[in-house]
Amino acid sequence: QTERQFDARMTNNLVGAYAGFNGGGLARFT
């Protein structure tokens, strides 16, 4: 899965959990 595909899942309210960075992940998706 590419970053673009993953971002699409996250921004469509589909993902419950994952692992990633504090800034580029948690803060960005929030």
mmCIF file of all heavy atoms, coordinates in Angstrom:
data_MODEL
# 
_entry.id   MODEL 
# 
loop_
_atom_site.group_PDB 
_atom_site.id 
_atom_site.type_symbol 
_atom_site.label_atom_id 
_atom_site.label_alt_id 
_atom_site.label_comp_id 
_atom_site.label_asym_id 
_atom_site.label_entity_id 
_atom_site.label_seq_id 
_atom_site.pdbx_PDB_ins_code 
_atom_site.Cartn_x 
_atom_site.Cartn_y 
_atom_site.Cartn_z 
_atom_site.occupancy 
_atom_site.B_iso_or_equiv 
_atom_site.pdbx_formal_charge 
_atom_site.auth_seq_id 
_atom_site.auth_comp_id 
_atom_site.auth_asym_id 
_atom_site.auth_atom_id 
_atom_site.pdbx_PDB_model_num 
ATOM 1   N N   . GLN A 1 1  ? 0.813   -1.203 0.000  1.00 0.00 ? 1  GLN A N   1 
ATOM 2   C CA  . GLN A 1 1  ? 0.000   0.000  0.000  1.00 0.00 ? 1  GLN A CA  1 
ATOM 3   C C   . GLN A 1 1  ? 0.856   1.267  0.000  1.00 0.00 ? 1  GLN A C   1 
ATOM 4   O O   . GLN A 1 1  ? 1.745   1.421  0.835  1.00 0.00 ? 1  GLN A O   1 
ATOM 5   C CB  . GLN A 1 1  ? -0.934  0.013  1.210  1.00 0.00 ? 1  GLN A CB  1 
ATOM 6   C CG  . GLN A 1 1  ? -1.902  1.181  1.209  1.00 0.00 ? 1  GLN A CG  1 
ATOM 7   C CD  . GLN A 1 1  ? -3.122  0.903  2.053  1.00 0.00 ? 1  GLN A CD  1 
ATOM 8   O OE1 . GLN A 1 1  ? -4.220  0.818  1.551  1.00 0.00 ? 1  GLN A OE1 1 
ATOM 9   N NE2 . GLN A 1 1  ? -2.923  0.738  3.348  1.00 0.00 ? 1  GLN A NE2 1 
ATOM 10  N N   . THR A 1 2  ? 0.580   2.158  -0.922 1.00 0.00 ? 2  THR A N   1 
ATOM 11  C CA  . THR A 1 2  ? 1.333   3.398  -1.028 1.00 0.00 ? 2  THR A CA  1 
ATOM 12  C C   . THR A 1 2  ? 0.802   4.425  -0.038 1.00 0.00 ? 2  THR A C   1 
ATOM 13  O O   . THR A 1 2  ? -0.276  4.269  0.544  1.00 0.00 ? 2  THR A O   1 
ATOM 14  C CB  . THR A 1 2  ? 1.229   3.985  -2.449 1.00 0.00 ? 2  THR A CB  1 
ATOM 15  O OG1 . THR A 1 2  ? -0.135  4.371  -2.687 1.00 0.00 ? 2  THR A OG1 1 
ATOM 16  C CG2 . THR A 1 2  ? 1.677   2.967  -3.494 1.00 0.00 ? 2  THR A CG2 1 
ATOM 17  N N   . GLU A 1 3  ? 1.565   5.508  0.121  1.00 0.00 ? 3  GLU A N   1 
ATOM 18  C CA  . GLU A 1 3  ? 1.142   6.579  1.021  1.00 0.00 ? 3  GLU A CA  1 
ATOM 19  C C   . GLU A 1 3  ? -0.169  7.194  0.556  1.00 0.00 ? 3  GLU A C   1 
ATOM 20  O O   . GLU A 1 3  ? -1.048  7.499  1.372  1.00 0.00 ? 3  GLU A O   1 
ATOM 21  C CB  . GLU A 1 3  ? 2.228   7.649  1.107  1.00 0.00 ? 3  GLU A CB  1 
ATOM 22  C CG  . GLU A 1 3  ? 1.894   8.778  2.070  1.00 0.00 ? 3  GLU A CG  1 
ATOM 23  C CD  . GLU A 1 3  ? 3.027   9.771  2.226  1.00 0.00 ? 3  GLU A CD  1 
ATOM 24  O OE1 . GLU A 1 3  ? 4.036   9.647  1.505  1.00 0.00 ? 3  GLU A OE1 1 
ATOM 25  O OE2 . GLU A 1 3  ? 2.902   10.684 3.063  1.00 0.00 ? 3  GLU A OE2 1 
ATOM 26  N N   . ARG A 1 4  ? -0.314  7.373  -0.751 1.00 0.00 ? 4  ARG A N   1 
ATOM 27  C CA  . ARG A 1 4  ? -1.550  7.967  -1.269 1.00 0.00 ? 4  ARG A CA  1 
ATOM 28  C C   . ARG A 1 4  ? -2.751  7.074  -0.971 1.00 0.00 ? 4  ARG A C   1 
ATOM 29  O O   . ARG A 1 4  ? -3.818  7.564  -0.568 1.00 0.00 ? 4  ARG A O   1 
ATOM 30  C CB  . ARG A 1 4  ? -1.425  8.195  -2.772 1.00 0.00 ? 4  ARG A CB  1 
ATOM 31  C CG  . ARG A 1 4  ? -2.695  8.750  -3.412 1.00 0.00 ? 4  ARG A CG  1 
ATOM 32  C CD  . ARG A 1 4  ? -2.492  9.068  -4.876 1.00 0.00 ? 4  ARG A CD  1 
ATOM 33  N NE  . ARG A 1 4  ? -1.565  10.169 -5.075 1.00 0.00 ? 4  ARG A NE  1 
ATOM 34  C CZ  . ARG A 1 4  ? -1.258  10.679 -6.274 1.00 0.00 ? 4  ARG A CZ  1 
ATOM 35  N NH1 . ARG A 1 4  ? -1.813  10.174 -7.363 1.00 0.00 ? 4  ARG A NH1 1 
ATOM 36  N NH2 . ARG A 1 4  ? -0.408  11.681 -6.369 1.00 0.00 ? 4  ARG A NH2 1 
ATOM 37  N N   . GLN A 1 5  ? -2.599  5.771  -1.167 1.00 0.00 ? 5  GLN A N   1 
ATOM 38  C CA  . GLN A 1 5  ? -3.703  4.846  -0.879 1.00 0.00 ? 5  GLN A CA  1 
ATOM 39  C C   . GLN A 1 5  ? -4.046  4.843  0.608  1.00 0.00 ? 5  GLN A C   1 
ATOM 40  O O   . GLN A 1 5  ? -5.216  4.830  0.990  1.00 0.00 ? 5  GLN A O   1 
ATOM 41  C CB  . GLN A 1 5  ? -3.328  3.437  -1.344 1.00 0.00 ? 5  GLN A CB  1 
ATOM 42  C CG  . GLN A 1 5  ? -3.222  3.300  -2.849 1.00 0.00 ? 5  GLN A CG  1 
ATOM 43  C CD  . GLN A 1 5  ? -2.584  1.974  -3.258 1.00 0.00 ? 5  GLN A CD  1 
ATOM 44  O OE1 . GLN A 1 5  ? -1.684  1.460  -2.587 1.00 0.00 ? 5  GLN A OE1 1 
ATOM 45  N NE2 . GLN A 1 5  ? -3.043  1.425  -4.363 1.00 0.00 ? 5  GLN A NE2 1 
ATOM 46  N N   . PHE A 1 6  ? -3.003  4.853  1.434  1.00 0.00 ? 6  PHE A N   1 
ATOM 47  C CA  . PHE A 1 6  ? -3.225  4.862  2.880  1.00 0.00 ? 6  PHE A CA  1 
ATOM 48  C C   . PHE A 1 6  ? -3.921  6.144  3.320  1.00 0.00 ? 6  PHE A C   1 
ATOM 49  O O   . PHE A 1 6  ? -4.857  6.123  4.114  1.00 0.00 ? 6  PHE A O   1 
ATOM 50  C CB  . PHE A 1 6  ? -1.885  4.704  3.601  1.00 0.00 ? 6  PHE A CB  1 
ATOM 51  C CG  . PHE A 1 6  ? -1.985  4.752  5.094  1.00 0.00 ? 6  PHE A CG  1 
ATOM 52  C CD1 . PHE A 1 6  ? -2.489  3.673  5.803  1.00 0.00 ? 6  PHE A CD1 1 
ATOM 53  C CD2 . PHE A 1 6  ? -1.582  5.873  5.802  1.00 0.00 ? 6  PHE A CD2 1 
ATOM 54  C CE1 . PHE A 1 6  ? -2.581  3.707  7.185  1.00 0.00 ? 6  PHE A CE1 1 
ATOM 55  C CE2 . PHE A 1 6  ? -1.674  5.925  7.179  1.00 0.00 ? 6  PHE A CE2 1 
ATOM 56  C CZ  . PHE A 1 6  ? -2.172  4.835  7.873  1.00 0.00 ? 6  PHE A CZ  1 
ATOM 57  N N   . ASP A 1 7  ? -3.467  7.272  2.781  1.00 0.00 ? 7  ASP A N   1 
ATOM 58  C CA  . ASP A 1 7  ? -4.102  8.548  3.113  1.00 0.00 ? 7  ASP A CA  1 
ATOM 59  C C   . ASP A 1 7  ? -5.579  8.547  2.740  1.00 0.00 ? 7  ASP A C   1 
ATOM 60  O O   . ASP A 1 7  ? -6.417  9.097  3.466  1.00 0.00 ? 7  ASP A O   1 
ATOM 61  C CB  . ASP A 1 7  ? -3.390  9.696  2.392  1.00 0.00 ? 7  ASP A CB  1 
ATOM 62  C CG  . ASP A 1 7  ? -2.077  10.081 3.052  1.00 0.00 ? 7  ASP A CG  1 
ATOM 63  O OD1 . ASP A 1 7  ? -1.715  9.451  4.065  1.00 0.00 ? 7  ASP A OD1 1 
ATOM 64  O OD2 . ASP A 1 7  ? -1.423  11.019 2.555  1.00 0.00 ? 7  ASP A OD2 1 
ATOM 65  N N   . ALA A 1 8  ? -5.911  7.948  1.603  1.00 0.00 ? 8  ALA A N   1 
ATOM 66  C CA  . ALA A 1 8  ? -7.309  7.894  1.173  1.00 0.00 ? 8  ALA A CA  1 
ATOM 67  C C   . ALA A 1 8  ? -8.151  7.116  2.171  1.00 0.00 ? 8  ALA A C   1 
ATOM 68  O O   . ALA A 1 8  ? -9.288  7.503  2.483  1.00 0.00 ? 8  ALA A O   1 
ATOM 69  C CB  . ALA A 1 8  ? -7.395  7.265  -0.213 1.00 0.00 ? 8  ALA A CB  1 
ATOM 70  N N   . ARG A 1 9  ? -7.603  6.030  2.694  1.00 0.00 ? 9  ARG A N   1 
ATOM 71  C CA  . ARG A 1 9  ? -8.336  5.260  3.701  1.00 0.00 ? 9  ARG A CA  1 
ATOM 72  C C   . ARG A 1 9  ? -8.523  6.078  4.979  1.00 0.00 ? 9  ARG A C   1 
ATOM 73  O O   . ARG A 1 9  ? -9.599  6.098  5.583  1.00 0.00 ? 9  ARG A O   1 
ATOM 74  C CB  . ARG A 1 9  ? -7.599  3.963  4.013  1.00 0.00 ? 9  ARG A CB  1 
ATOM 75  C CG  . ARG A 1 9  ? -7.783  2.859  2.962  1.00 0.00 ? 9  ARG A CG  1 
ATOM 76  C CD  . ARG A 1 9  ? -6.712  1.791  3.115  1.00 0.00 ? 9  ARG A CD  1 
ATOM 77  N NE  . ARG A 1 9  ? -7.078  0.495  2.568  1.00 0.00 ? 9  ARG A NE  1 
ATOM 78  C CZ  . ARG A 1 9  ? -7.131  0.198  1.280  1.00 0.00 ? 9  ARG A CZ  1 
ATOM 79  N NH1 . ARG A 1 9  ? -6.862  1.130  0.380  1.00 0.00 ? 9  ARG A NH1 1 
ATOM 80  N NH2 . ARG A 1 9  ? -7.471  -1.027 0.880  1.00 0.00 ? 9  ARG A NH2 1 
ATOM 81  N N   . MET A 1 10 ? -7.456  6.758  5.396  1.00 0.00 ? 10 MET A N   1 
ATOM 82  C CA  . MET A 1 10 ? -7.530  7.545  6.622  1.00 0.00 ? 10 MET A CA  1 
ATOM 83  C C   . MET A 1 10 ? -8.516  8.702  6.492  1.00 0.00 ? 10 MET A C   1 
ATOM 84  O O   . MET A 1 10 ? -9.254  9.017  7.430  1.00 0.00 ? 10 MET A O   1 
ATOM 85  C CB  . MET A 1 10 ? -6.154  8.097  6.980  1.00 0.00 ? 10 MET A CB  1 
ATOM 86  C CG  . MET A 1 10 ? -5.172  7.060  7.516  1.00 0.00 ? 10 MET A CG  1 
ATOM 87  S SD  . MET A 1 10 ? -5.654  6.356  9.115  1.00 0.00 ? 10 MET A SD  1 
ATOM 88  C CE  . MET A 1 10 ? -5.557  7.787  10.181 1.00 0.00 ? 10 MET A CE  1 
ATOM 89  N N   . THR A 1 11 ? -8.526  9.359  5.354  1.00 0.00 ? 11 THR A N   1 
ATOM 90  C CA  . THR A 1 11 ? -9.382  10.538 5.190  1.00 0.00 ? 11 THR A CA  1 
ATOM 91  C C   . THR A 1 11 ? -10.816 10.177 4.822  1.00 0.00 ? 11 THR A C   1 
ATOM 92  O O   . THR A 1 11 ? -11.660 11.073 4.715  1.00 0.00 ? 11 THR A O   1 
ATOM 93  C CB  . THR A 1 11 ? -8.798  11.480 4.124  1.00 0.00 ? 11 THR A CB  1 
ATOM 94  O OG1 . THR A 1 11 ? -8.589  10.762 2.908  1.00 0.00 ? 11 THR A OG1 1 
ATOM 95  C CG2 . THR A 1 11 ? -7.478  12.076 4.601  1.00 0.00 ? 11 THR A CG2 1 
ATOM 96  N N   . ASN A 1 12 ? -11.087 8.915  4.641  1.00 0.00 ? 12 ASN A N   1 
ATOM 97  C CA  . ASN A 1 12 ? -12.459 8.466  4.400  1.00 0.00 ? 12 ASN A CA  1 
ATOM 98  C C   . ASN A 1 12 ? -13.043 7.746  5.615  1.00 0.00 ? 12 ASN A C   1 
ATOM 99  O O   . ASN A 1 12 ? -14.028 7.014  5.491  1.00 0.00 ? 12 ASN A O   1 
ATOM 100 C CB  . ASN A 1 12 ? -12.526 7.575  3.164  1.00 0.00 ? 12 ASN A CB  1 
ATOM 101 C CG  . ASN A 1 12 ? -12.517 8.374  1.873  1.00 0.00 ? 12 ASN A CG  1 
ATOM 102 O OD1 . ASN A 1 12 ? -13.488 9.037  1.527  1.00 0.00 ? 12 ASN A OD1 1 
ATOM 103 N ND2 . ASN A 1 12 ? -11.386 8.340  1.177  1.00 0.00 ? 12 ASN A ND2 1 
ATOM 104 N N   . ASN A 1 13 ? -12.393 7.948  6.776  1.00 0.00 ? 13 ASN A N   1 
ATOM 105 C CA  . ASN A 1 13 ? -12.932 7.442  8.042  1.00 0.00 ? 13 ASN A CA  1 
ATOM 106 C C   . ASN A 1 13 ? -13.047 5.919  8.071  1.00 0.00 ? 13 ASN A C   1 
ATOM 107 O O   . ASN A 1 13 ? -14.000 5.363  8.616  1.00 0.00 ? 13 ASN A O   1 
ATOM 108 C CB  . ASN A 1 13 ? -14.308 8.073  8.318  1.00 0.00 ? 13 ASN A CB  1 
ATOM 109 C CG  . ASN A 1 13 ? -14.652 8.096  9.799  1.00 0.00 ? 13 ASN A CG  1 
ATOM 110 O OD1 . ASN A 1 13 ? -13.776 8.116  10.654 1.00 0.00 ? 13 ASN A OD1 1 
ATOM 111 N ND2 . ASN A 1 13 ? -15.941 8.087  10.105 1.00 0.00 ? 13 ASN A ND2 1 
ATOM 112 N N   . LEU A 1 14 ? -12.041 5.253  7.502  1.00 0.00 ? 14 LEU A N   1 
ATOM 113 C CA  . LEU A 1 14 ? -12.109 3.795  7.401  1.00 0.00 ? 14 LEU A CA  1 
ATOM 114 C C   . LEU A 1 14 ? -11.140 3.072  8.333  1.00 0.00 ? 14 LEU A C   1 
ATOM 115 O O   . LEU A 1 14 ? -11.341 1.897  8.635  1.00 0.00 ? 14 LEU A O   1 
ATOM 116 C CB  . LEU A 1 14 ? -11.813 3.360  5.958  1.00 0.00 ? 14 LEU A CB  1 
ATOM 117 C CG  . LEU A 1 14 ? -12.757 3.869  4.877  1.00 0.00 ? 14 LEU A CG  1 
ATOM 118 C CD1 . LEU A 1 14 ? -12.286 3.394  3.510  1.00 0.00 ? 14 LEU A CD1 1 
ATOM 119 C CD2 . LEU A 1 14 ? -14.183 3.415  5.147  1.00 0.00 ? 14 LEU A CD2 1 
ATOM 120 N N   . VAL A 1 15 ? -10.083 3.755  8.805  1.00 0.00 ? 15 VAL A N   1 
ATOM 121 C CA  . VAL A 1 15 ? -9.000  3.081  9.524  1.00 0.00 ? 15 VAL A CA  1 
ATOM 122 C C   . VAL A 1 15 ? -9.156  3.244  11.031 1.00 0.00 ? 15 VAL A C   1 
ATOM 123 O O   . VAL A 1 15 ? -9.329  4.351  11.536 1.00 0.00 ? 15 VAL A O   1 
ATOM 124 C CB  . VAL A 1 15 ? -7.629  3.641  9.079  1.00 0.00 ? 15 VAL A CB  1 
ATOM 125 C CG1 . VAL A 1 15 ? -6.501  3.030  9.897  1.00 0.00 ? 15 VAL A CG1 1 
ATOM 126 C CG2 . VAL A 1 15 ? -7.413  3.373  7.593  1.00 0.00 ? 15 VAL A CG2 1 
ATOM 127 N N   . GLY A 1 16 ? -9.064  2.110  11.750 1.00 0.00 ? 16 GLY A N   1 
ATOM 128 C CA  . GLY A 1 16 ? -9.175  2.141  13.200 1.00 0.00 ? 16 GLY A CA  1 
ATOM 129 C C   . GLY A 1 16 ? -7.851  2.292  13.905 1.00 0.00 ? 16 GLY A C   1 
ATOM 130 O O   . GLY A 1 16 ? -7.785  2.908  14.975 1.00 0.00 ? 16 GLY A O   1 
ATOM 131 N N   . ALA A 1 17 ? -6.783  1.735  13.345 1.00 0.00 ? 17 ALA A N   1 
ATOM 132 C CA  . ALA A 1 17 ? -5.474  1.777  13.991 1.00 0.00 ? 17 ALA A CA  1 
ATOM 133 C C   . ALA A 1 17 ? -4.390  1.560  12.946 1.00 0.00 ? 17 ALA A C   1 
ATOM 134 O O   . ALA A 1 17 ? -4.624  1.004  11.873 1.00 0.00 ? 17 ALA A O   1 
ATOM 135 C CB  . ALA A 1 17 ? -5.379  0.718  15.086 1.00 0.00 ? 17 ALA A CB  1 
ATOM 136 N N   . TYR A 1 18 ? -3.200  1.997  13.286 1.00 0.00 ? 18 TYR A N   1 
ATOM 137 C CA  . TYR A 1 18 ? -2.028  1.813  12.434 1.00 0.00 ? 18 TYR A CA  1 
ATOM 138 C C   . TYR A 1 18 ? -0.811  2.157  13.289 1.00 0.00 ? 18 TYR A C   1 
ATOM 139 O O   . TYR A 1 18 ? -0.928  2.405  14.495 1.00 0.00 ? 18 TYR A O   1 
ATOM 140 C CB  . TYR A 1 18 ? -2.101  2.710  11.197 1.00 0.00 ? 18 TYR A CB  1 
ATOM 141 C CG  . TYR A 1 18 ? -1.751  4.152  11.430 1.00 0.00 ? 18 TYR A CG  1 
ATOM 142 C CD1 . TYR A 1 18 ? -0.580  4.702  10.917 1.00 0.00 ? 18 TYR A CD1 1 
ATOM 143 C CD2 . TYR A 1 18 ? -2.585  4.987  12.178 1.00 0.00 ? 18 TYR A CD2 1 
ATOM 144 C CE1 . TYR A 1 18 ? -0.251  6.036  11.138 1.00 0.00 ? 18 TYR A CE1 1 
ATOM 145 C CE2 . TYR A 1 18 ? -2.266  6.319  12.402 1.00 0.00 ? 18 TYR A CE2 1 
ATOM 146 C CZ  . TYR A 1 18 ? -1.091  6.833  11.883 1.00 0.00 ? 18 TYR A CZ  1 
ATOM 147 O OH  . TYR A 1 18 ? -0.759  8.139  12.107 1.00 0.00 ? 18 TYR A OH  1 
ATOM 148 N N   . ALA A 1 19 ? 0.349   2.177  12.691 1.00 0.00 ? 19 ALA A N   1 
ATOM 149 C CA  . ALA A 1 19 ? 1.558   2.645  13.381 1.00 0.00 ? 19 ALA A CA  1 
ATOM 150 C C   . ALA A 1 19 ? 2.265   3.622  12.465 1.00 0.00 ? 19 ALA A C   1 
ATOM 151 O O   . ALA A 1 19 ? 2.362   3.395  11.261 1.00 0.00 ? 19 ALA A O   1 
ATOM 152 C CB  . ALA A 1 19 ? 2.479   1.487  13.737 1.00 0.00 ? 19 ALA A CB  1 
ATOM 153 N N   . GLY A 1 20 ? 2.749   4.724  13.044 1.00 0.00 ? 20 GLY A N   1 
ATOM 154 C CA  . GLY A 1 20 ? 3.402   5.733  12.225 1.00 0.00 ? 20 GLY A CA  1 
ATOM 155 C C   . GLY A 1 20 ? 4.022   6.819  13.068 1.00 0.00 ? 20 GLY A C   1 
ATOM 156 O O   . GLY A 1 20 ? 4.142   6.700  14.297 1.00 0.00 ? 20 GLY A O   1 
ATOM 157 N N   . PHE A 1 21 ? 4.415   7.894  12.410 1.00 0.00 ? 21 PHE A N   1 
ATOM 158 C CA  . PHE A 1 21 ? 5.109   8.984  13.076 1.00 0.00 ? 21 PHE A CA  1 
ATOM 159 C C   . PHE A 1 21 ? 4.157   9.878  13.846 1.00 0.00 ? 21 PHE A C   1 
ATOM 160 O O   . PHE A 1 21 ? 2.961   9.965  13.550 1.00 0.00 ? 21 PHE A O   1 
ATOM 161 C CB  . PHE A 1 21 ? 5.898   9.814  12.056 1.00 0.00 ? 21 PHE A CB  1 
ATOM 162 C CG  . PHE A 1 21 ? 7.110   9.113  11.509 1.00 0.00 ? 21 PHE A CG  1 
ATOM 163 C CD1 . PHE A 1 21 ? 7.094   8.556  10.236 1.00 0.00 ? 21 PHE A CD1 1 
ATOM 164 C CD2 . PHE A 1 21 ? 8.257   8.997  12.281 1.00 0.00 ? 21 PHE A CD2 1 
ATOM 165 C CE1 . PHE A 1 21 ? 8.208   7.902  9.736  1.00 0.00 ? 21 PHE A CE1 1 
ATOM 166 C CE2 . PHE A 1 21 ? 9.381   8.337  11.791 1.00 0.00 ? 21 PHE A CE2 1 
ATOM 167 C CZ  . PHE A 1 21 ? 9.350   7.789  10.516 1.00 0.00 ? 21 PHE A CZ  1 
ATOM 168 N N   . ASN A 1 22 ? 4.728   10.554 14.810 1.00 0.00 ? 22 ASN A N   1 
ATOM 169 C CA  . ASN A 1 22 ? 3.957   11.441 15.674 1.00 0.00 ? 22 ASN A CA  1 
ATOM 170 C C   . ASN A 1 22 ? 3.520   12.702 14.936 1.00 0.00 ? 22 ASN A C   1 
ATOM 171 O O   . ASN A 1 22 ? 2.381   13.156 15.070 1.00 0.00 ? 22 ASN A O   1 
ATOM 172 C CB  . ASN A 1 22 ? 4.806   11.817 16.894 1.00 0.00 ? 22 ASN A CB  1 
ATOM 173 C CG  . ASN A 1 22 ? 3.978   12.268 18.077 1.00 0.00 ? 22 ASN A CG  1 
ATOM 174 O OD1 . ASN A 1 22 ? 2.840   12.655 17.943 1.00 0.00 ? 22 ASN A OD1 1 
ATOM 175 N ND2 . ASN A 1 22 ? 4.573   12.224 19.258 1.00 0.00 ? 22 ASN A ND2 1 
ATOM 176 N N   . GLY A 1 23 ? 4.440   13.275 14.156 1.00 0.00 ? 23 GLY A N   1 
ATOM 177 C CA  . GLY A 1 23 ? 4.120   14.501 13.445 1.00 0.00 ? 23 GLY A CA  1 
ATOM 178 C C   . GLY A 1 23 ? 3.447   14.230 12.110 1.00 0.00 ? 23 GLY A C   1 
ATOM 179 O O   . GLY A 1 23 ? 2.340   14.705 11.839 1.00 0.00 ? 23 GLY A O   1 
ATOM 180 N N   . GLY A 1 24 ? 4.111   13.456 11.248 1.00 0.00 ? 24 GLY A N   1 
ATOM 181 C CA  . GLY A 1 24 ? 3.587   13.171 9.916  1.00 0.00 ? 24 GLY A CA  1 
ATOM 182 C C   . GLY A 1 24 ? 2.413   12.225 9.907  1.00 0.00 ? 24 GLY A C   1 
ATOM 183 O O   . GLY A 1 24 ? 1.772   12.039 8.862  1.00 0.00 ? 24 GLY A O   1 
ATOM 184 N N   . GLY A 1 25 ? 2.102   11.626 11.048 1.00 0.00 ? 25 GLY A N   1 
ATOM 185 C CA  . GLY A 1 25 ? 0.962   10.732 11.143 1.00 0.00 ? 25 GLY A CA  1 
ATOM 186 C C   . GLY A 1 25 ? -0.113  11.282 12.040 1.00 0.00 ? 25 GLY A C   1 
ATOM 187 O O   . GLY A 1 25 ? -1.120  11.823 11.594 1.00 0.00 ? 25 GLY A O   1 
ATOM 188 N N   . LEU A 1 26 ? 0.095   11.159 13.356 1.00 0.00 ? 26 LEU A N   1 
ATOM 189 C CA  . LEU A 1 26 ? -0.922  11.533 14.324 1.00 0.00 ? 26 LEU A CA  1 
ATOM 190 C C   . LEU A 1 26 ? -1.400  12.965 14.131 1.00 0.00 ? 26 LEU A C   1 
ATOM 191 O O   . LEU A 1 26 ? -2.606  13.234 14.037 1.00 0.00 ? 26 LEU A O   1 
ATOM 192 C CB  . LEU A 1 26 ? -0.385  11.318 15.735 1.00 0.00 ? 26 LEU A CB  1 
ATOM 193 C CG  . LEU A 1 26 ? -1.376  11.408 16.894 1.00 0.00 ? 26 LEU A CG  1 
ATOM 194 C CD1 . LEU A 1 26 ? -0.910  10.552 18.064 1.00 0.00 ? 26 LEU A CD1 1 
ATOM 195 C CD2 . LEU A 1 26 ? -1.576  12.846 17.368 1.00 0.00 ? 26 LEU A CD2 1 
ATOM 196 N N   . ALA A 1 27 ? -0.477  13.920 14.056 1.00 0.00 ? 27 ALA A N   1 
ATOM 197 C CA  . ALA A 1 27 ? -0.869  15.328 13.927 1.00 0.00 ? 27 ALA A CA  1 
ATOM 198 C C   . ALA A 1 27 ? -1.482  15.615 12.566 1.00 0.00 ? 27 ALA A C   1 
ATOM 199 O O   . ALA A 1 27 ? -2.482  16.339 12.456 1.00 0.00 ? 27 ALA A O   1 
ATOM 200 C CB  . ALA A 1 27 ? 0.345   16.223 14.157 1.00 0.00 ? 27 ALA A CB  1 
ATOM 201 N N   . ARG A 1 28 ? -0.894  15.053 11.530 1.00 0.00 ? 28 ARG A N   1 
ATOM 202 C CA  . ARG A 1 28 ? -1.379  15.331 10.177 1.00 0.00 ? 28 ARG A CA  1 
ATOM 203 C C   . ARG A 1 28 ? -2.793  14.812 9.970  1.00 0.00 ? 28 ARG A C   1 
ATOM 204 O O   . ARG A 1 28 ? -3.660  15.529 9.455  1.00 0.00 ? 28 ARG A O   1 
ATOM 205 C CB  . ARG A 1 28 ? -0.428  14.712 9.147  1.00 0.00 ? 28 ARG A CB  1 
ATOM 206 C CG  . ARG A 1 28 ? -0.784  15.037 7.700  1.00 0.00 ? 28 ARG A CG  1 
ATOM 207 C CD  . ARG A 1 28 ? 0.368   14.702 6.783  1.00 0.00 ? 28 ARG A CD  1 
ATOM 208 N NE  . ARG A 1 28 ? 0.599   13.275 6.695  1.00 0.00 ? 28 ARG A NE  1 
ATOM 209 C CZ  . ARG A 1 28 ? 0.088   12.500 5.725  1.00 0.00 ? 28 ARG A CZ  1 
ATOM 210 N NH1 . ARG A 1 28 ? -0.672  13.027 4.786  1.00 0.00 ? 28 ARG A NH1 1 
ATOM 211 N NH2 . ARG A 1 28 ? 0.356   11.212 5.698  1.00 0.00 ? 28 ARG A NH2 1 
ATOM 212 N N   . PHE A 1 29 ? -3.039  13.573 10.390 1.00 0.00 ? 29 PHE A N   1 
ATOM 213 C CA  . PHE A 1 29 ? -4.374  13.010 10.181 1.00 0.00 ? 29 PHE A CA  1 
ATOM 214 C C   . PHE A 1 29 ? -5.417  13.671 11.080 1.00 0.00 ? 29 PHE A C   1 
ATOM 215 O O   . PHE A 1 29 ? -6.577  13.813 10.697 1.00 0.00 ? 29 PHE A O   1 
ATOM 216 C CB  . PHE A 1 29 ? -4.348  11.497 10.385 1.00 0.00 ? 29 PHE A CB  1 
ATOM 217 C CG  . PHE A 1 29 ? -3.574  10.773 9.325  1.00 0.00 ? 29 PHE A CG  1 
ATOM 218 C CD1 . PHE A 1 29 ? -2.527  9.925  9.662  1.00 0.00 ? 29 PHE A CD1 1 
ATOM 219 C CD2 . PHE A 1 29 ? -3.871  10.953 7.985  1.00 0.00 ? 29 PHE A CD2 1 
ATOM 220 C CE1 . PHE A 1 29 ? -1.804  9.267  8.683  1.00 0.00 ? 29 PHE A CE1 1 
ATOM 221 C CE2 . PHE A 1 29 ? -3.155  10.298 6.998  1.00 0.00 ? 29 PHE A CE2 1 
ATOM 222 C CZ  . PHE A 1 29 ? -2.119  9.456  7.343  1.00 0.00 ? 29 PHE A CZ  1 
ATOM 223 N N   . THR A 1 30 ? -4.998  14.079 12.264 1.00 0.00 ? 30 THR A N   1 
ATOM 224 C CA  . THR A 1 30 ? -5.932  14.808 13.132 1.00 0.00 ? 30 THR A CA  1 
ATOM 225 C C   . THR A 1 30 ? -6.329  16.121 12.477 1.00 0.00 ? 30 THR A C   1 
ATOM 226 O O   . THR A 1 30 ? -7.515  16.488 12.455 1.00 0.00 ? 30 THR A O   1 
ATOM 227 C CB  . THR A 1 30 ? -5.297  15.058 14.505 1.00 0.00 ? 30 THR A CB  1 
ATOM 228 O OG1 . THR A 1 30 ? -5.017  13.793 15.129 1.00 0.00 ? 30 THR A OG1 1 
ATOM 229 C CG2 . THR A 1 30 ? -6.237  15.852 15.396 1.00 0.00 ? 30 THR A CG2 1 
# 
